Protein backbone atom coordinates (compact mmCIF):
# COMPACT_ATOMS: atom_id res chain seq x y z
CA MET A 1 -4.24 -58.90 -16.65
CA LYS A 2 -2.75 -58.08 -20.04
CA THR A 3 -4.69 -57.14 -23.16
CA GLU A 4 -2.63 -57.46 -26.33
CA GLY A 5 -3.21 -56.34 -29.90
CA ARG A 6 -4.39 -53.09 -31.46
CA ASN A 7 -8.10 -53.86 -31.86
CA ALA A 8 -8.38 -55.48 -28.43
CA VAL A 9 -6.73 -52.53 -26.67
CA LEU A 10 -8.76 -49.98 -28.63
CA GLU A 11 -11.99 -51.75 -27.65
CA LEU A 12 -10.79 -51.92 -24.05
CA LEU A 13 -10.41 -48.14 -23.97
CA LYS A 14 -14.07 -47.76 -24.98
CA THR A 15 -15.16 -49.40 -21.70
CA ASP A 16 -15.10 -48.23 -18.09
CA LYS A 17 -12.54 -50.84 -17.06
CA THR A 18 -9.52 -49.65 -15.11
CA VAL A 19 -6.41 -49.55 -17.30
CA GLU A 20 -3.30 -49.19 -15.17
CA LYS A 21 -0.82 -48.51 -17.97
CA ILE A 22 -0.10 -49.14 -21.64
CA LEU A 23 3.17 -50.23 -23.19
CA MET A 24 3.51 -48.99 -26.76
CA GLU A 25 6.21 -49.46 -29.34
CA LYS A 26 8.22 -46.33 -30.09
CA GLY A 27 7.27 -44.55 -33.31
CA ALA A 28 3.52 -45.18 -32.93
CA GLN A 29 1.53 -44.73 -36.13
CA GLY A 30 -1.89 -45.61 -37.47
CA THR A 31 -4.05 -47.46 -34.96
CA LEU A 32 -1.35 -47.05 -32.32
CA GLY A 33 -1.75 -43.30 -32.67
CA LYS A 34 -5.50 -43.63 -32.04
CA ILE A 35 -4.82 -45.73 -28.96
CA PHE A 36 -2.41 -43.12 -27.64
CA ALA A 37 -4.98 -40.35 -28.19
CA GLU A 38 -7.70 -42.30 -26.36
CA ALA A 39 -5.32 -43.08 -23.50
CA ARG A 40 -4.44 -39.40 -23.16
CA LYS A 41 -8.15 -38.51 -22.92
CA LYS A 42 -8.51 -40.93 -20.00
CA ASN A 43 -5.25 -39.91 -18.33
CA ILE A 44 -3.83 -43.40 -18.71
CA ARG A 45 -0.07 -43.66 -18.47
CA VAL A 46 1.55 -44.67 -21.76
CA GLN A 47 5.11 -45.91 -21.74
CA PHE A 48 6.97 -46.00 -25.07
CA VAL A 49 9.40 -48.91 -25.28
CA GLU A 50 11.52 -50.76 -27.79
CA ARG A 51 9.94 -53.74 -29.55
CA ALA A 52 12.21 -56.10 -27.59
CA ALA A 53 10.52 -55.02 -24.34
CA LEU A 54 7.09 -55.82 -25.78
CA GLU A 55 8.34 -59.20 -26.92
CA ARG A 56 9.45 -59.97 -23.37
CA GLU A 57 6.11 -58.92 -21.88
CA SER A 58 3.90 -60.54 -24.51
CA GLU A 59 2.25 -63.86 -23.66
CA SER A 60 0.73 -64.39 -27.08
CA GLY A 61 3.59 -63.27 -29.30
CA ARG A 62 1.06 -61.15 -31.24
CA HIS A 63 1.04 -57.86 -29.38
CA GLN A 64 1.07 -55.72 -32.58
CA GLY A 65 3.06 -53.06 -30.77
CA VAL A 66 0.80 -52.50 -27.78
CA ILE A 67 -0.01 -54.14 -24.43
CA ALA A 68 -2.48 -52.77 -21.87
CA TYR A 69 -2.43 -53.74 -18.19
CA THR A 70 -5.78 -53.93 -16.41
CA THR A 71 -7.26 -55.29 -13.24
CA ALA A 72 -8.50 -58.88 -13.36
CA TYR A 73 -11.47 -59.60 -15.63
CA GLU A 74 -14.73 -58.82 -13.88
CA TYR A 75 -17.45 -61.39 -14.39
CA ALA A 76 -21.13 -60.50 -14.23
CA GLU A 77 -23.76 -62.29 -12.18
CA LEU A 78 -26.40 -64.31 -13.98
CA ASP A 79 -29.02 -61.87 -12.65
CA ASP A 80 -27.16 -59.07 -14.46
CA ILE A 81 -27.76 -60.88 -17.75
CA LEU A 82 -31.39 -61.93 -17.33
CA ALA A 83 -33.71 -59.53 -19.12
CA PRO A 84 -36.41 -57.74 -17.09
CA ALA A 85 -39.84 -59.36 -17.18
CA GLU A 86 -41.22 -56.56 -19.37
CA GLN A 87 -38.48 -56.91 -21.99
CA LYS A 88 -39.87 -58.76 -24.99
CA ASP A 89 -36.71 -60.00 -26.72
CA SER A 90 -33.47 -61.29 -25.27
CA LEU A 91 -30.67 -63.58 -26.35
CA VAL A 92 -28.35 -65.44 -23.97
CA VAL A 93 -25.60 -67.88 -24.92
CA VAL A 94 -24.72 -70.74 -22.56
CA CYS A 95 -21.40 -72.58 -22.94
CA ASP A 96 -21.48 -76.15 -21.71
CA GLY A 97 -17.88 -77.33 -21.54
CA ILE A 98 -16.16 -75.07 -24.08
CA GLU A 99 -12.53 -75.69 -23.15
CA ASP A 100 -10.67 -74.28 -26.14
CA VAL A 101 -9.78 -70.59 -25.66
CA HIS A 102 -10.02 -69.96 -29.40
CA ASN A 103 -13.61 -71.21 -29.45
CA LEU A 104 -14.55 -69.19 -26.37
CA GLY A 105 -12.99 -66.04 -27.82
CA SER A 106 -14.86 -66.56 -31.09
CA ILE A 107 -18.11 -67.26 -29.22
CA LEU A 108 -17.80 -64.01 -27.27
CA ARG A 109 -17.17 -62.10 -30.49
CA VAL A 110 -20.17 -63.66 -32.24
CA ALA A 111 -22.42 -63.11 -29.21
CA GLU A 112 -21.44 -59.45 -28.89
CA CYS A 113 -21.87 -58.78 -32.61
CA ALA A 114 -25.34 -60.35 -32.53
CA GLY A 115 -26.38 -58.19 -29.58
CA ALA A 116 -26.61 -60.97 -27.01
CA ASP A 117 -27.41 -59.85 -23.47
CA GLY A 118 -24.72 -62.11 -22.09
CA VAL A 119 -22.77 -65.35 -22.13
CA VAL A 120 -22.80 -67.98 -19.39
CA ILE A 121 -19.74 -70.17 -18.79
CA PRO A 122 -19.06 -72.87 -16.17
CA ALA A 123 -16.70 -72.24 -13.27
CA VAL A 124 -15.14 -75.68 -13.83
CA LYS A 125 -14.61 -77.83 -16.93
CA GLY A 126 -14.52 -74.88 -19.26
CA ALA A 127 -12.28 -72.07 -20.46
CA SER A 128 -12.23 -68.81 -18.52
CA VAL A 129 -11.81 -65.30 -19.88
CA THR A 130 -8.05 -64.91 -20.13
CA GLU A 131 -5.78 -62.50 -21.99
CA ALA A 132 -5.81 -64.92 -24.92
CA VAL A 133 -9.62 -65.06 -24.99
CA VAL A 134 -9.85 -61.26 -24.92
CA ARG A 135 -7.41 -61.00 -27.83
CA ILE A 136 -9.14 -63.71 -29.87
CA SER A 137 -12.51 -62.03 -29.28
CA ALA A 138 -11.07 -58.86 -30.89
CA GLY A 139 -12.06 -56.93 -27.79
CA ALA A 140 -15.66 -58.20 -27.69
CA ALA A 141 -15.00 -59.69 -24.24
CA GLU A 142 -14.80 -56.14 -22.93
CA HIS A 143 -18.34 -55.34 -24.11
CA VAL A 144 -20.43 -58.48 -23.54
CA LYS A 145 -21.41 -59.61 -20.04
CA VAL A 146 -19.98 -62.97 -19.03
CA ALA A 147 -21.31 -64.85 -16.01
CA LYS A 148 -19.30 -67.70 -14.54
CA VAL A 149 -21.64 -70.14 -12.78
CA ILE A 150 -21.12 -73.14 -10.51
CA SER A 151 -23.80 -75.17 -12.28
CA VAL A 152 -24.79 -74.83 -15.93
CA ASN A 153 -27.86 -76.98 -15.25
CA ARG A 154 -29.02 -74.60 -12.52
CA ALA A 155 -28.40 -71.66 -14.86
CA VAL A 156 -30.65 -73.30 -17.45
CA GLU A 157 -33.35 -73.68 -14.81
CA GLU A 158 -33.04 -70.02 -13.83
CA LEU A 159 -33.29 -68.95 -17.45
CA LYS A 160 -36.48 -70.96 -17.88
CA GLU A 161 -37.89 -69.49 -14.66
CA ALA A 162 -37.17 -66.03 -16.09
CA GLY A 163 -39.25 -66.78 -19.19
CA TYR A 164 -36.57 -67.91 -21.63
CA TRP A 165 -36.98 -70.73 -24.12
CA VAL A 166 -33.74 -72.70 -23.79
CA TYR A 167 -32.49 -74.79 -26.71
CA ALA A 168 -29.47 -77.07 -27.01
CA LEU A 169 -27.55 -76.88 -30.29
CA GLU A 170 -27.01 -80.54 -31.16
CA ALA A 171 -27.34 -82.99 -34.01
CA GLY A 172 -30.57 -84.97 -34.26
CA GLY A 173 -32.90 -82.18 -33.20
CA GLU A 174 -35.48 -80.00 -34.90
CA SER A 175 -34.18 -77.88 -37.77
CA ILE A 176 -33.34 -74.41 -36.50
CA TYR A 177 -34.91 -72.98 -39.65
CA THR A 178 -38.39 -74.21 -38.67
CA LYS A 179 -38.40 -72.82 -35.11
CA ASP A 180 -39.91 -69.54 -33.94
CA LEU A 181 -36.95 -67.83 -32.27
CA THR A 182 -38.61 -64.57 -31.31
CA GLY A 183 -38.92 -63.60 -27.66
CA LYS A 184 -36.50 -64.59 -24.93
CA VAL A 185 -34.14 -67.27 -26.23
CA ALA A 186 -31.10 -69.00 -24.73
CA LEU A 187 -28.86 -71.19 -26.88
CA VAL A 188 -26.67 -73.85 -25.28
CA VAL A 189 -23.53 -74.80 -27.18
CA GLY A 190 -21.53 -77.83 -26.09
CA GLY A 191 -17.89 -78.79 -25.90
CA GLU A 192 -15.76 -79.42 -28.96
CA ASP A 193 -15.84 -83.20 -28.63
CA SER A 194 -18.61 -84.03 -26.18
CA GLY A 195 -21.36 -81.63 -27.25
CA VAL A 196 -24.07 -80.59 -24.81
CA ARG A 197 -24.10 -82.95 -21.84
CA ARG A 198 -27.08 -85.30 -21.53
CA LEU A 199 -28.44 -83.89 -18.27
CA THR A 200 -28.14 -80.34 -19.56
CA ARG A 201 -29.82 -81.30 -22.81
CA GLU A 202 -32.70 -82.89 -20.91
CA LYS A 203 -33.28 -79.68 -18.97
CA CYS A 204 -33.58 -77.66 -22.18
CA ASP A 205 -36.93 -77.01 -23.86
CA GLY A 206 -35.71 -78.67 -27.01
CA VAL A 207 -32.81 -79.50 -29.30
CA LEU A 208 -32.14 -77.48 -32.45
CA SER A 209 -29.94 -78.64 -35.30
CA ILE A 210 -28.28 -77.02 -38.30
CA PRO A 211 -28.77 -79.14 -41.43
CA LEU A 212 -25.53 -80.54 -42.85
CA PHE A 213 -25.16 -81.60 -46.46
CA GLY A 214 -21.48 -82.41 -46.78
CA LYS A 215 -19.40 -85.41 -45.80
CA VAL A 216 -18.19 -83.88 -42.51
CA ASN A 217 -20.77 -84.54 -39.80
CA SER A 218 -20.21 -81.58 -37.47
CA LEU A 219 -19.43 -77.88 -37.28
CA ASN A 220 -16.95 -76.11 -35.04
CA ALA A 221 -18.75 -74.90 -31.88
CA SER A 222 -18.24 -71.19 -32.56
CA VAL A 223 -19.24 -71.57 -36.22
CA ALA A 224 -22.44 -73.41 -35.26
CA LEU A 225 -23.25 -70.75 -32.69
CA GLY A 226 -22.64 -68.00 -35.25
CA ILE A 227 -25.20 -69.54 -37.59
CA ALA A 228 -27.68 -70.02 -34.74
CA VAL A 229 -27.49 -66.56 -33.18
CA TYR A 230 -27.95 -64.89 -36.52
CA GLU A 231 -31.02 -67.02 -37.12
CA VAL A 232 -32.31 -65.46 -33.89
CA VAL A 233 -31.41 -62.02 -35.28
CA ARG A 234 -33.22 -62.82 -38.54
CA ALA A 235 -36.32 -63.92 -36.61
CA ARG A 236 -36.34 -60.65 -34.67
CA LEU A 237 -35.97 -58.55 -37.78
CA HIS A 238 -38.36 -60.43 -40.04
CA GLY A 239 -40.27 -62.87 -37.83
């Protein structure tokens, strides 16, 4: 698996993931110099190459002078994400049919920044964590736990059994600004066009909505999630 881009590679080196080698453009400066120093500390092989070699290896076309090669992305189990019974607060994000890699990358970045305990994605009918997702997440994918599950509906049931209040983010629900979001909370965000599926929505404890006042009747999935998770953060800090 390839990780491309300066921030993404630098974040990768902060984890315990196995980095097999790093290709770096000759004449490394700035952030590239920091990456080289971190790689040396971990005894990771760094190969300096001409920019043309990076262009050939790059899958995104936005390598920024560095590409790291790692083992395949390691998913967590749902049990690894669920907070212990004695833990008071927890935040989990559930993706129900997020197929666009840009949205998934942004969701992982938002979830990690907000301190989420993990993100749940479906094994089918949804984007997986690819090199592009890691890059778009600005390296957040290397820090947040991601569980890939066979059934999102079953995952919702397990979250509820573990003491979580599970809410779908959809239009037509209760305003998110009136809900007590302290404690163990899971937020379900739906696909770009379809939203949260009906059966999944019915399994949730409720539907929360973000008030809209403009002429456009919906928000991008990752933007909506960003607003929602930071409402959870606000509730924890001031609730």
